[in-house]
């Protein structure tokens, strides 16, 4: 799962938005280092990542990447899932618009940024200003996202090419998404993630 999925599931779970968004920037055991709710949010993010990667639908989706991009498919899939959440937000969360949801999330997270890792602060500068999570609804926007990630991490250069796998198998990925994401939201609402 990527940014939007983690924020959405955290919200449904009544978990720390900051902890869930920041988790990839924190190493080790967060307990005792971060306030309790933030630490629990970090741990929820990690559980969601492990659970998602082990889902049969997600494992099956990896088979639709070419040999040269399969190694980075978990990262690409995280971005793809956010695409479908953004695209179908009105169906997934009809009680609040995506801009309103993201405005709330930003208002909760931004005051806490000074105490977070510098790399996370830098991400937040662009994440909110450039409205990334709303932009995710555009499949072509993801091409730039994946290229940007590839350019910043030389060992992940295959990410740039993985966009073509996404486009070539778009309907299959959307079908996989609808098979598992509603289950994830139910688990989040039940606080069972």
N, C-alpha and C. Protein backbone atom coordinates (compact mmCIF):
# COMPACT_ATOMS: atom_id res chain seq x y z
N UNK A 1 0.83 -1.18 0.00
CA UNK A 1 0.00 0.00 0.00
C UNK A 1 0.88 1.25 0.00
N UNK A 2 0.35 2.30 -0.59
CA UNK A 2 1.08 3.55 -0.66
C UNK A 2 0.38 4.61 0.19
N UNK A 3 0.72 5.87 0.01
CA UNK A 3 0.28 6.95 0.90
C UNK A 3 -1.22 6.99 1.12
N UNK A 4 -1.99 7.02 0.04
CA UNK A 4 -3.44 7.19 0.18
C UNK A 4 -4.07 6.00 0.87
N UNK A 5 -3.66 4.81 0.50
CA UNK A 5 -4.22 3.61 1.14
C UNK A 5 -3.93 3.61 2.64
N UNK A 6 -2.72 3.95 3.01
CA UNK A 6 -2.38 3.95 4.44
C UNK A 6 -3.17 5.02 5.20
N UNK A 7 -3.35 6.18 4.61
CA UNK A 7 -4.14 7.21 5.28
C UNK A 7 -5.60 6.78 5.40
N UNK A 8 -6.14 6.19 4.34
CA UNK A 8 -7.53 5.76 4.36
C UNK A 8 -7.75 4.66 5.39
N UNK A 9 -6.91 3.64 5.38
CA UNK A 9 -7.08 2.53 6.33
C UNK A 9 -6.83 3.00 7.76
N UNK A 10 -5.88 3.91 7.95
CA UNK A 10 -5.62 4.46 9.28
C UNK A 10 -6.85 5.21 9.79
N UNK A 11 -7.46 5.98 8.91
CA UNK A 11 -8.64 6.73 9.29
C UNK A 11 -9.77 5.79 9.70
N UNK A 12 -9.99 4.75 8.91
CA UNK A 12 -11.03 3.77 9.24
C UNK A 12 -10.74 3.05 10.55
N UNK A 13 -9.45 2.86 10.83
CA UNK A 13 -9.02 2.16 12.06
C UNK A 13 -8.93 3.09 13.26
N UNK A 14 -9.15 4.38 13.03
CA UNK A 14 -8.97 5.40 14.07
C UNK A 14 -7.55 5.34 14.63
N UNK A 15 -6.60 5.21 13.71
CA UNK A 15 -5.19 5.14 14.05
C UNK A 15 -4.51 6.45 13.67
N UNK A 16 -3.31 6.67 14.18
CA UNK A 16 -2.56 7.88 13.92
C UNK A 16 -2.26 8.05 12.43
N UNK A 17 -2.74 9.14 11.86
CA UNK A 17 -2.43 9.43 10.46
C UNK A 17 -0.94 9.68 10.29
N UNK A 18 -0.35 10.41 11.24
CA UNK A 18 1.08 10.69 11.17
C UNK A 18 1.88 9.39 11.19
N UNK A 19 1.61 8.53 12.14
CA UNK A 19 2.35 7.28 12.26
C UNK A 19 2.23 6.41 11.02
N UNK A 20 1.02 6.33 10.48
CA UNK A 20 0.80 5.50 9.30
C UNK A 20 1.48 6.06 8.07
N UNK A 21 1.51 7.39 7.93
CA UNK A 21 2.16 7.98 6.77
C UNK A 21 3.68 7.97 6.90
N UNK A 22 4.17 8.09 8.11
CA UNK A 22 5.61 8.24 8.35
C UNK A 22 6.35 6.90 8.45
N UNK A 23 5.65 5.80 8.54
CA UNK A 23 6.26 4.51 8.90
C UNK A 23 7.46 4.12 8.04
N UNK A 24 7.42 4.39 6.76
CA UNK A 24 8.55 4.00 5.89
C UNK A 24 9.81 4.82 6.15
N UNK A 25 9.70 5.85 6.97
CA UNK A 25 10.84 6.70 7.29
C UNK A 25 11.39 6.42 8.69
N UNK A 26 10.85 5.40 9.33
CA UNK A 26 11.24 5.05 10.69
C UNK A 26 11.76 3.63 10.70
N UNK A 27 12.91 3.42 11.32
CA UNK A 27 13.51 2.09 11.43
C UNK A 27 13.38 1.59 12.86
N UNK A 28 13.36 0.29 13.00
CA UNK A 28 13.36 -0.32 14.33
C UNK A 28 12.03 -0.21 15.05
N UNK A 29 12.09 -0.51 16.33
CA UNK A 29 10.90 -0.50 17.18
C UNK A 29 10.55 0.95 17.52
N UNK A 30 9.36 1.41 17.11
CA UNK A 30 9.01 2.80 17.37
C UNK A 30 8.56 3.07 18.81
N UNK A 31 8.26 2.01 19.55
CA UNK A 31 7.78 2.20 20.92
C UNK A 31 8.88 2.80 21.78
N UNK A 32 8.52 3.80 22.55
CA UNK A 32 9.49 4.47 23.40
C UNK A 32 10.25 5.57 22.69
N UNK A 33 10.18 5.59 21.36
CA UNK A 33 10.84 6.62 20.57
C UNK A 33 9.81 7.69 20.14
N UNK A 34 8.64 7.22 19.80
CA UNK A 34 7.55 8.08 19.34
C UNK A 34 6.40 8.01 20.35
N UNK A 35 5.56 9.04 20.40
CA UNK A 35 4.38 8.96 21.27
C UNK A 35 3.59 7.69 20.97
N UNK A 36 2.89 7.18 21.98
CA UNK A 36 2.21 5.88 21.86
C UNK A 36 1.33 5.74 20.64
N UNK A 37 0.47 6.71 20.36
CA UNK A 37 -0.44 6.60 19.22
C UNK A 37 0.32 6.59 17.90
N UNK A 38 1.38 7.39 17.81
CA UNK A 38 2.18 7.45 16.59
C UNK A 38 2.90 6.11 16.39
N UNK A 39 3.46 5.57 17.47
CA UNK A 39 4.14 4.27 17.39
C UNK A 39 3.18 3.19 16.95
N UNK A 40 1.97 3.20 17.49
CA UNK A 40 0.97 2.20 17.08
C UNK A 40 0.58 2.37 15.61
N UNK A 41 0.55 3.62 15.14
CA UNK A 41 0.28 3.87 13.73
C UNK A 41 1.38 3.32 12.83
N UNK A 42 2.62 3.49 13.26
CA UNK A 42 3.76 2.94 12.51
C UNK A 42 3.64 1.42 12.43
N UNK A 43 3.31 0.80 13.54
CA UNK A 43 3.18 -0.65 13.57
C UNK A 43 1.99 -1.13 12.74
N UNK A 44 0.89 -0.37 12.74
CA UNK A 44 -0.25 -0.72 11.88
C UNK A 44 0.16 -0.68 10.42
N UNK A 45 0.87 0.36 10.02
CA UNK A 45 1.36 0.47 8.64
C UNK A 45 2.16 -0.78 8.26
N UNK A 46 3.04 -1.20 9.14
CA UNK A 46 3.88 -2.37 8.85
C UNK A 46 3.04 -3.63 8.74
N UNK A 47 2.03 -3.78 9.60
CA UNK A 47 1.15 -4.96 9.52
C UNK A 47 0.37 -4.96 8.21
N UNK A 48 -0.10 -3.78 7.81
CA UNK A 48 -0.84 -3.68 6.55
C UNK A 48 0.05 -4.06 5.38
N UNK A 49 1.30 -3.61 5.38
CA UNK A 49 2.22 -3.96 4.30
C UNK A 49 2.43 -5.46 4.22
N UNK A 50 2.66 -6.08 5.35
CA UNK A 50 2.89 -7.54 5.37
C UNK A 50 1.63 -8.27 4.90
N UNK A 51 0.49 -7.85 5.41
CA UNK A 51 -0.77 -8.50 5.04
C UNK A 51 -1.04 -8.35 3.55
N UNK A 52 -0.87 -7.14 3.02
CA UNK A 52 -1.15 -6.89 1.61
C UNK A 52 -0.24 -7.73 0.72
N UNK A 53 1.04 -7.75 1.03
CA UNK A 53 1.99 -8.50 0.21
C UNK A 53 1.70 -10.00 0.19
N UNK A 54 1.03 -10.49 1.23
CA UNK A 54 0.75 -11.93 1.29
C UNK A 54 -0.61 -12.31 0.72
N UNK A 55 -1.42 -11.34 0.32
CA UNK A 55 -2.75 -11.64 -0.22
C UNK A 55 -2.62 -12.39 -1.54
N UNK A 56 -3.47 -13.40 -1.76
CA UNK A 56 -3.38 -14.15 -3.03
C UNK A 56 -3.58 -13.27 -4.26
N UNK A 57 -4.44 -12.25 -4.15
CA UNK A 57 -4.68 -11.37 -5.30
C UNK A 57 -3.43 -10.55 -5.62
N UNK A 58 -2.73 -10.11 -4.60
CA UNK A 58 -1.52 -9.32 -4.82
C UNK A 58 -0.40 -10.21 -5.37
N UNK A 59 -0.30 -11.41 -4.83
CA UNK A 59 0.71 -12.34 -5.37
C UNK A 59 0.39 -12.67 -6.84
N UNK A 60 -0.88 -12.85 -7.15
CA UNK A 60 -1.27 -13.15 -8.53
C UNK A 60 -0.98 -11.95 -9.44
N UNK A 61 -1.17 -10.74 -8.94
CA UNK A 61 -0.92 -9.54 -9.75
C UNK A 61 0.55 -9.43 -10.16
N UNK A 62 1.44 -9.90 -9.31
CA UNK A 62 2.88 -9.83 -9.63
C UNK A 62 3.23 -10.63 -10.88
N UNK A 63 2.44 -11.64 -11.19
CA UNK A 63 2.71 -12.48 -12.36
C UNK A 63 2.50 -11.72 -13.67
N UNK A 64 1.85 -10.57 -13.62
CA UNK A 64 1.58 -9.81 -14.84
C UNK A 64 2.64 -8.75 -15.14
N UNK A 65 3.76 -8.85 -14.44
CA UNK A 65 4.90 -8.00 -14.74
C UNK A 65 5.91 -8.82 -15.55
N UNK A 66 6.60 -8.14 -16.44
CA UNK A 66 7.62 -8.81 -17.24
C UNK A 66 8.80 -9.21 -16.37
N UNK A 67 9.62 -10.11 -16.85
CA UNK A 67 10.79 -10.56 -16.09
C UNK A 67 11.65 -9.39 -15.63
N UNK A 68 11.82 -8.40 -16.50
CA UNK A 68 12.72 -7.29 -16.17
C UNK A 68 12.12 -6.31 -15.15
N UNK A 69 10.84 -6.40 -14.88
CA UNK A 69 10.21 -5.49 -13.91
C UNK A 69 9.61 -6.22 -12.71
N UNK A 70 9.60 -7.52 -12.74
CA UNK A 70 8.94 -8.28 -11.65
C UNK A 70 9.58 -7.99 -10.29
N UNK A 71 10.87 -7.77 -10.25
CA UNK A 71 11.55 -7.52 -8.97
C UNK A 71 11.01 -6.27 -8.27
N UNK A 72 10.60 -5.28 -9.04
CA UNK A 72 10.08 -4.04 -8.45
C UNK A 72 8.55 -4.01 -8.41
N UNK A 73 7.93 -5.11 -8.79
CA UNK A 73 6.47 -5.13 -8.85
C UNK A 73 5.79 -4.79 -7.52
N UNK A 74 6.32 -5.18 -6.36
CA UNK A 74 5.63 -4.79 -5.12
C UNK A 74 5.52 -3.27 -4.96
N UNK A 75 6.56 -2.54 -5.36
CA UNK A 75 6.53 -1.09 -5.26
C UNK A 75 5.54 -0.51 -6.26
N UNK A 76 5.59 -1.01 -7.48
CA UNK A 76 4.66 -0.53 -8.51
C UNK A 76 3.22 -0.82 -8.09
N UNK A 77 2.98 -1.99 -7.55
CA UNK A 77 1.62 -2.33 -7.13
C UNK A 77 1.13 -1.41 -6.03
N UNK A 78 2.00 -1.02 -5.13
CA UNK A 78 1.58 -0.07 -4.09
C UNK A 78 1.05 1.22 -4.71
N UNK A 79 1.73 1.70 -5.73
CA UNK A 79 1.30 2.92 -6.42
C UNK A 79 0.01 2.66 -7.19
N UNK A 80 -0.09 1.49 -7.82
CA UNK A 80 -1.29 1.14 -8.57
C UNK A 80 -2.52 1.10 -7.66
N UNK A 81 -2.36 0.52 -6.48
CA UNK A 81 -3.52 0.46 -5.57
C UNK A 81 -3.98 1.86 -5.21
N UNK A 82 -3.04 2.77 -4.99
CA UNK A 82 -3.41 4.15 -4.70
C UNK A 82 -4.13 4.79 -5.89
N UNK A 83 -3.74 4.42 -7.09
CA UNK A 83 -4.44 4.92 -8.28
C UNK A 83 -5.91 4.56 -8.22
N UNK A 84 -6.20 3.30 -7.94
CA UNK A 84 -7.59 2.86 -7.94
C UNK A 84 -8.37 3.46 -6.76
N UNK A 85 -7.71 3.67 -5.64
CA UNK A 85 -8.40 4.33 -4.51
C UNK A 85 -8.74 5.76 -4.89
N UNK A 86 -7.80 6.48 -5.45
CA UNK A 86 -8.04 7.86 -5.86
C UNK A 86 -9.11 7.93 -6.94
N UNK A 87 -9.00 7.07 -7.93
CA UNK A 87 -9.95 7.06 -9.05
C UNK A 87 -11.37 6.76 -8.58
N UNK A 88 -11.50 5.83 -7.66
CA UNK A 88 -12.83 5.38 -7.22
C UNK A 88 -13.20 5.88 -5.83
N UNK A 89 -12.55 6.96 -5.39
CA UNK A 89 -12.77 7.44 -4.03
C UNK A 89 -14.25 7.62 -3.71
N UNK A 90 -15.02 8.19 -4.62
CA UNK A 90 -16.43 8.46 -4.35
C UNK A 90 -17.22 7.19 -4.07
N UNK A 91 -16.77 6.08 -4.61
CA UNK A 91 -17.42 4.79 -4.34
C UNK A 91 -16.89 4.19 -3.03
N UNK A 92 -15.61 4.36 -2.78
CA UNK A 92 -14.96 3.78 -1.60
C UNK A 92 -15.33 4.54 -0.33
N UNK A 93 -15.38 5.86 -0.40
CA UNK A 93 -15.67 6.70 0.78
C UNK A 93 -16.64 7.81 0.40
N UNK A 94 -17.88 7.46 0.09
CA UNK A 94 -18.83 8.47 -0.40
C UNK A 94 -19.19 9.54 0.63
N UNK A 95 -18.87 9.30 1.89
CA UNK A 95 -19.25 10.25 2.95
C UNK A 95 -18.38 11.50 2.98
N UNK A 96 -17.23 11.48 2.29
CA UNK A 96 -16.34 12.65 2.28
C UNK A 96 -15.60 12.68 0.95
N UNK A 97 -15.46 13.88 0.40
CA UNK A 97 -14.73 13.99 -0.87
C UNK A 97 -13.24 13.74 -0.62
N UNK A 98 -12.55 13.34 -1.67
CA UNK A 98 -11.11 13.11 -1.53
C UNK A 98 -10.38 14.40 -1.14
N UNK A 99 -10.66 15.55 -1.77
CA UNK A 99 -9.98 16.78 -1.33
C UNK A 99 -10.23 17.09 0.15
N UNK A 100 -11.45 16.88 0.62
CA UNK A 100 -11.75 17.15 2.03
C UNK A 100 -11.02 16.17 2.94
N UNK A 101 -10.98 14.91 2.56
CA UNK A 101 -10.26 13.91 3.35
C UNK A 101 -8.78 14.28 3.45
N UNK A 102 -8.19 14.64 2.32
CA UNK A 102 -6.77 14.96 2.30
C UNK A 102 -6.47 16.27 3.03
N UNK A 103 -7.38 17.22 2.93
CA UNK A 103 -7.21 18.47 3.68
C UNK A 103 -7.20 18.19 5.18
N UNK A 104 -8.09 17.32 5.62
CA UNK A 104 -8.12 16.95 7.05
C UNK A 104 -6.81 16.26 7.44
N UNK A 105 -6.37 15.30 6.62
CA UNK A 105 -5.14 14.57 6.92
C UNK A 105 -3.96 15.54 7.01
N UNK A 106 -3.86 16.45 6.07
CA UNK A 106 -2.77 17.43 6.09
C UNK A 106 -2.84 18.29 7.35
N UNK A 107 -4.05 18.67 7.76
CA UNK A 107 -4.19 19.54 8.94
C UNK A 107 -3.79 18.82 10.22
N UNK A 108 -3.92 17.50 10.23
CA UNK A 108 -3.52 16.70 11.39
C UNK A 108 -2.00 16.47 11.39
N UNK A 109 -1.44 16.21 10.22
CA UNK A 109 -0.04 15.83 10.10
C UNK A 109 0.91 17.04 10.13
N UNK A 110 0.57 18.09 9.44
CA UNK A 110 1.48 19.23 9.27
C UNK A 110 2.01 19.82 10.58
N UNK A 111 1.18 20.01 11.61
CA UNK A 111 1.72 20.59 12.85
C UNK A 111 2.79 19.72 13.52
N UNK A 112 2.80 18.43 13.20
CA UNK A 112 3.74 17.50 13.83
C UNK A 112 5.04 17.34 13.04
N UNK A 113 5.10 17.91 11.86
CA UNK A 113 6.25 17.69 10.98
C UNK A 113 7.60 18.09 11.56
N UNK A 114 7.71 19.17 12.32
CA UNK A 114 9.03 19.55 12.83
C UNK A 114 9.72 18.47 13.65
N UNK A 115 8.97 17.57 14.24
CA UNK A 115 9.58 16.52 15.07
C UNK A 115 9.83 15.23 14.29
N UNK A 116 9.61 15.24 12.98
CA UNK A 116 9.74 14.03 12.17
C UNK A 116 11.05 14.04 11.38
N UNK A 117 11.43 12.87 10.82
CA UNK A 117 12.67 12.81 10.03
C UNK A 117 12.66 13.82 8.86
N UNK A 118 13.82 14.37 8.57
CA UNK A 118 13.93 15.40 7.53
C UNK A 118 13.43 14.92 6.18
N UNK A 119 13.74 13.68 5.83
CA UNK A 119 13.27 13.15 4.54
C UNK A 119 11.75 13.12 4.48
N UNK A 120 11.12 12.80 5.60
CA UNK A 120 9.65 12.79 5.66
C UNK A 120 9.11 14.21 5.54
N UNK A 121 9.77 15.17 6.16
CA UNK A 121 9.35 16.56 6.03
C UNK A 121 9.43 17.01 4.57
N UNK A 122 10.51 16.63 3.89
CA UNK A 122 10.67 16.99 2.48
C UNK A 122 9.56 16.38 1.63
N UNK A 123 9.24 15.12 1.88
CA UNK A 123 8.16 14.46 1.15
C UNK A 123 6.85 15.24 1.34
N UNK A 124 6.55 15.60 2.57
CA UNK A 124 5.30 16.29 2.86
C UNK A 124 5.20 17.63 2.15
N UNK A 125 6.33 18.29 1.98
CA UNK A 125 6.32 19.57 1.27
C UNK A 125 5.68 19.40 -0.11
N UNK A 126 6.06 18.36 -0.83
CA UNK A 126 5.56 18.13 -2.19
C UNK A 126 4.23 17.38 -2.20
N UNK A 127 4.08 16.44 -1.30
CA UNK A 127 2.90 15.59 -1.25
C UNK A 127 1.61 16.40 -1.21
N UNK A 128 1.59 17.40 -0.34
CA UNK A 128 0.37 18.20 -0.17
C UNK A 128 0.31 19.34 -1.19
N UNK A 129 1.42 20.02 -1.39
CA UNK A 129 1.43 21.17 -2.30
C UNK A 129 1.03 20.77 -3.72
N UNK A 130 1.58 19.65 -4.19
CA UNK A 130 1.34 19.22 -5.56
C UNK A 130 0.16 18.26 -5.70
N UNK A 131 -0.53 18.01 -4.58
CA UNK A 131 -1.75 17.20 -4.56
C UNK A 131 -1.54 15.82 -5.21
N UNK A 132 -0.46 15.18 -4.82
CA UNK A 132 -0.10 13.88 -5.40
C UNK A 132 -1.25 12.88 -5.34
N UNK A 133 -1.86 12.76 -4.18
CA UNK A 133 -2.84 11.69 -4.01
C UNK A 133 -4.10 11.91 -4.83
N UNK A 134 -4.43 13.15 -5.11
CA UNK A 134 -5.53 13.42 -6.04
C UNK A 134 -5.08 13.14 -7.47
N UNK A 135 -3.83 13.47 -7.77
CA UNK A 135 -3.28 13.24 -9.11
C UNK A 135 -3.19 11.75 -9.45
N UNK A 136 -3.07 10.91 -8.41
CA UNK A 136 -2.97 9.46 -8.64
C UNK A 136 -4.13 8.91 -9.46
N UNK A 137 -5.27 9.59 -9.47
CA UNK A 137 -6.42 9.10 -10.23
C UNK A 137 -6.13 9.04 -11.74
N UNK A 138 -5.17 9.81 -12.18
CA UNK A 138 -4.78 9.84 -13.59
C UNK A 138 -3.70 8.78 -13.83
N UNK A 139 -4.03 7.76 -14.59
CA UNK A 139 -3.09 6.66 -14.84
C UNK A 139 -1.78 7.17 -15.43
N UNK A 140 -1.84 8.21 -16.25
CA UNK A 140 -0.62 8.72 -16.88
C UNK A 140 0.26 9.46 -15.87
N UNK A 141 -0.33 10.00 -14.84
CA UNK A 141 0.45 10.65 -13.78
C UNK A 141 1.38 9.64 -13.12
N UNK A 142 0.94 8.40 -13.02
CA UNK A 142 1.75 7.36 -12.38
C UNK A 142 3.04 7.10 -13.15
N UNK A 143 3.03 7.35 -14.44
CA UNK A 143 4.26 7.18 -15.22
C UNK A 143 5.34 8.09 -14.67
N UNK A 144 5.00 9.34 -14.40
CA UNK A 144 5.96 10.27 -13.82
C UNK A 144 6.37 9.89 -12.41
N UNK A 145 5.41 9.39 -11.63
CA UNK A 145 5.71 8.95 -10.26
C UNK A 145 6.75 7.84 -10.30
N UNK A 146 6.53 6.83 -11.11
CA UNK A 146 7.44 5.69 -11.18
C UNK A 146 8.80 6.09 -11.75
N UNK A 147 8.80 6.96 -12.74
CA UNK A 147 10.07 7.45 -13.29
C UNK A 147 10.84 8.24 -12.24
N UNK A 148 10.13 9.05 -11.48
CA UNK A 148 10.79 9.82 -10.43
C UNK A 148 11.41 8.92 -9.38
N UNK A 149 10.68 7.89 -8.97
CA UNK A 149 11.22 6.95 -7.98
C UNK A 149 12.44 6.24 -8.56
N UNK A 150 12.38 5.86 -9.82
CA UNK A 150 13.50 5.16 -10.46
C UNK A 150 14.73 6.06 -10.54
N UNK A 151 14.52 7.34 -10.81
CA UNK A 151 15.67 8.25 -10.95
C UNK A 151 16.36 8.52 -9.62
N UNK A 152 15.63 8.41 -8.52
CA UNK A 152 16.22 8.68 -7.21
C UNK A 152 16.89 7.45 -6.60
N UNK A 153 16.58 6.28 -7.11
CA UNK A 153 17.13 5.04 -6.54
C UNK A 153 17.65 4.16 -7.68
N UNK A 154 18.93 4.25 -8.00
CA UNK A 154 19.47 3.51 -9.15
C UNK A 154 19.16 2.01 -9.16
N UNK A 155 19.09 1.40 -7.99
CA UNK A 155 18.80 -0.04 -7.99
C UNK A 155 17.34 -0.34 -8.31
N UNK A 156 16.52 0.73 -8.37
CA UNK A 156 15.10 0.56 -8.70
C UNK A 156 14.77 1.11 -10.09
N UNK A 157 15.77 1.16 -10.95
CA UNK A 157 15.60 1.75 -12.28
C UNK A 157 14.47 1.08 -13.07
N UNK A 158 14.19 -0.19 -12.79
CA UNK A 158 13.14 -0.91 -13.51
C UNK A 158 11.75 -0.34 -13.23
N UNK A 159 11.62 0.47 -12.19
CA UNK A 159 10.31 1.08 -11.91
C UNK A 159 9.81 1.90 -13.10
N UNK A 160 10.73 2.56 -13.79
CA UNK A 160 10.33 3.39 -14.92
C UNK A 160 9.62 2.56 -15.99
N UNK A 161 10.09 1.35 -16.20
CA UNK A 161 9.49 0.48 -17.21
C UNK A 161 8.24 -0.25 -16.72
N UNK A 162 8.06 -0.30 -15.41
CA UNK A 162 6.93 -1.06 -14.87
C UNK A 162 5.58 -0.40 -15.15
N UNK A 163 5.60 0.89 -15.49
CA UNK A 163 4.36 1.57 -15.83
C UNK A 163 3.69 0.89 -17.02
N UNK A 164 4.50 0.40 -17.97
CA UNK A 164 3.94 -0.26 -19.15
C UNK A 164 3.21 -1.53 -18.75
N UNK A 165 3.72 -2.26 -17.76
CA UNK A 165 3.02 -3.46 -17.28
C UNK A 165 1.65 -3.07 -16.70
N UNK A 166 1.63 -1.97 -15.99
CA UNK A 166 0.39 -1.45 -15.42
C UNK A 166 -0.63 -1.16 -16.52
N UNK A 167 -0.21 -0.42 -17.53
CA UNK A 167 -1.13 -0.05 -18.61
C UNK A 167 -1.56 -1.27 -19.42
N UNK A 168 -0.63 -2.16 -19.69
CA UNK A 168 -0.95 -3.35 -20.49
C UNK A 168 -1.93 -4.28 -19.79
N UNK A 169 -1.96 -4.23 -18.47
CA UNK A 169 -2.81 -5.15 -17.69
C UNK A 169 -3.78 -4.39 -16.79
N UNK A 170 -4.14 -3.20 -17.23
CA UNK A 170 -4.92 -2.29 -16.40
C UNK A 170 -6.18 -2.94 -15.82
N UNK A 171 -7.00 -3.56 -16.67
CA UNK A 171 -8.26 -4.12 -16.19
C UNK A 171 -8.04 -5.27 -15.22
N UNK A 172 -7.01 -6.07 -15.44
CA UNK A 172 -6.70 -7.15 -14.50
C UNK A 172 -6.32 -6.59 -13.14
N UNK A 173 -5.50 -5.55 -13.12
CA UNK A 173 -5.11 -4.95 -11.84
C UNK A 173 -6.32 -4.34 -11.14
N UNK A 174 -7.19 -3.72 -11.90
CA UNK A 174 -8.40 -3.16 -11.29
C UNK A 174 -9.27 -4.27 -10.69
N UNK A 175 -9.38 -5.37 -11.40
CA UNK A 175 -10.15 -6.51 -10.87
C UNK A 175 -9.53 -7.05 -9.58
N UNK A 176 -8.22 -7.18 -9.56
CA UNK A 176 -7.54 -7.63 -8.33
C UNK A 176 -7.82 -6.66 -7.18
N UNK A 177 -7.75 -5.36 -7.48
CA UNK A 177 -7.99 -4.35 -6.46
C UNK A 177 -9.37 -4.53 -5.82
N UNK A 178 -10.39 -4.68 -6.64
CA UNK A 178 -11.75 -4.82 -6.10
C UNK A 178 -11.96 -6.14 -5.38
N UNK A 179 -11.10 -7.11 -5.64
CA UNK A 179 -11.20 -8.38 -4.93
C UNK A 179 -10.68 -8.27 -3.50
N UNK A 180 -9.66 -7.43 -3.26
CA UNK A 180 -9.09 -7.42 -1.91
C UNK A 180 -9.32 -6.13 -1.12
N UNK A 181 -9.41 -4.96 -1.78
CA UNK A 181 -9.45 -3.73 -0.98
C UNK A 181 -10.71 -3.59 -0.14
N UNK A 182 -11.88 -3.97 -0.63
CA UNK A 182 -13.05 -3.90 0.26
C UNK A 182 -12.88 -4.76 1.53
N UNK A 183 -12.20 -5.88 1.42
CA UNK A 183 -11.93 -6.69 2.62
C UNK A 183 -11.02 -5.95 3.57
N UNK A 184 -10.02 -5.25 3.04
CA UNK A 184 -9.11 -4.48 3.88
C UNK A 184 -9.87 -3.37 4.62
N UNK A 185 -10.78 -2.70 3.92
CA UNK A 185 -11.52 -1.62 4.58
C UNK A 185 -12.42 -2.17 5.68
N UNK A 186 -13.01 -3.32 5.45
CA UNK A 186 -13.85 -3.93 6.51
C UNK A 186 -13.00 -4.27 7.74
N UNK A 187 -11.84 -4.85 7.50
CA UNK A 187 -10.93 -5.18 8.62
C UNK A 187 -10.52 -3.91 9.35
N UNK A 188 -10.26 -2.85 8.61
CA UNK A 188 -9.88 -1.58 9.24
C UNK A 188 -11.02 -1.05 10.12
N UNK A 189 -12.23 -1.08 9.59
CA UNK A 189 -13.38 -0.61 10.36
C UNK A 189 -13.59 -1.43 11.63
N UNK A 190 -13.25 -2.72 11.55
CA UNK A 190 -13.38 -3.61 12.71
C UNK A 190 -12.15 -3.54 13.62
N UNK A 191 -11.19 -2.72 13.24
CA UNK A 191 -9.92 -2.60 13.97
C UNK A 191 -9.24 -3.95 14.11
N UNK A 192 -9.27 -4.69 12.99
CA UNK A 192 -8.73 -6.04 12.97
C UNK A 192 -7.50 -6.18 12.08
N UNK A 193 -6.90 -5.06 11.72
CA UNK A 193 -5.69 -5.12 10.88
C UNK A 193 -4.45 -5.29 11.77
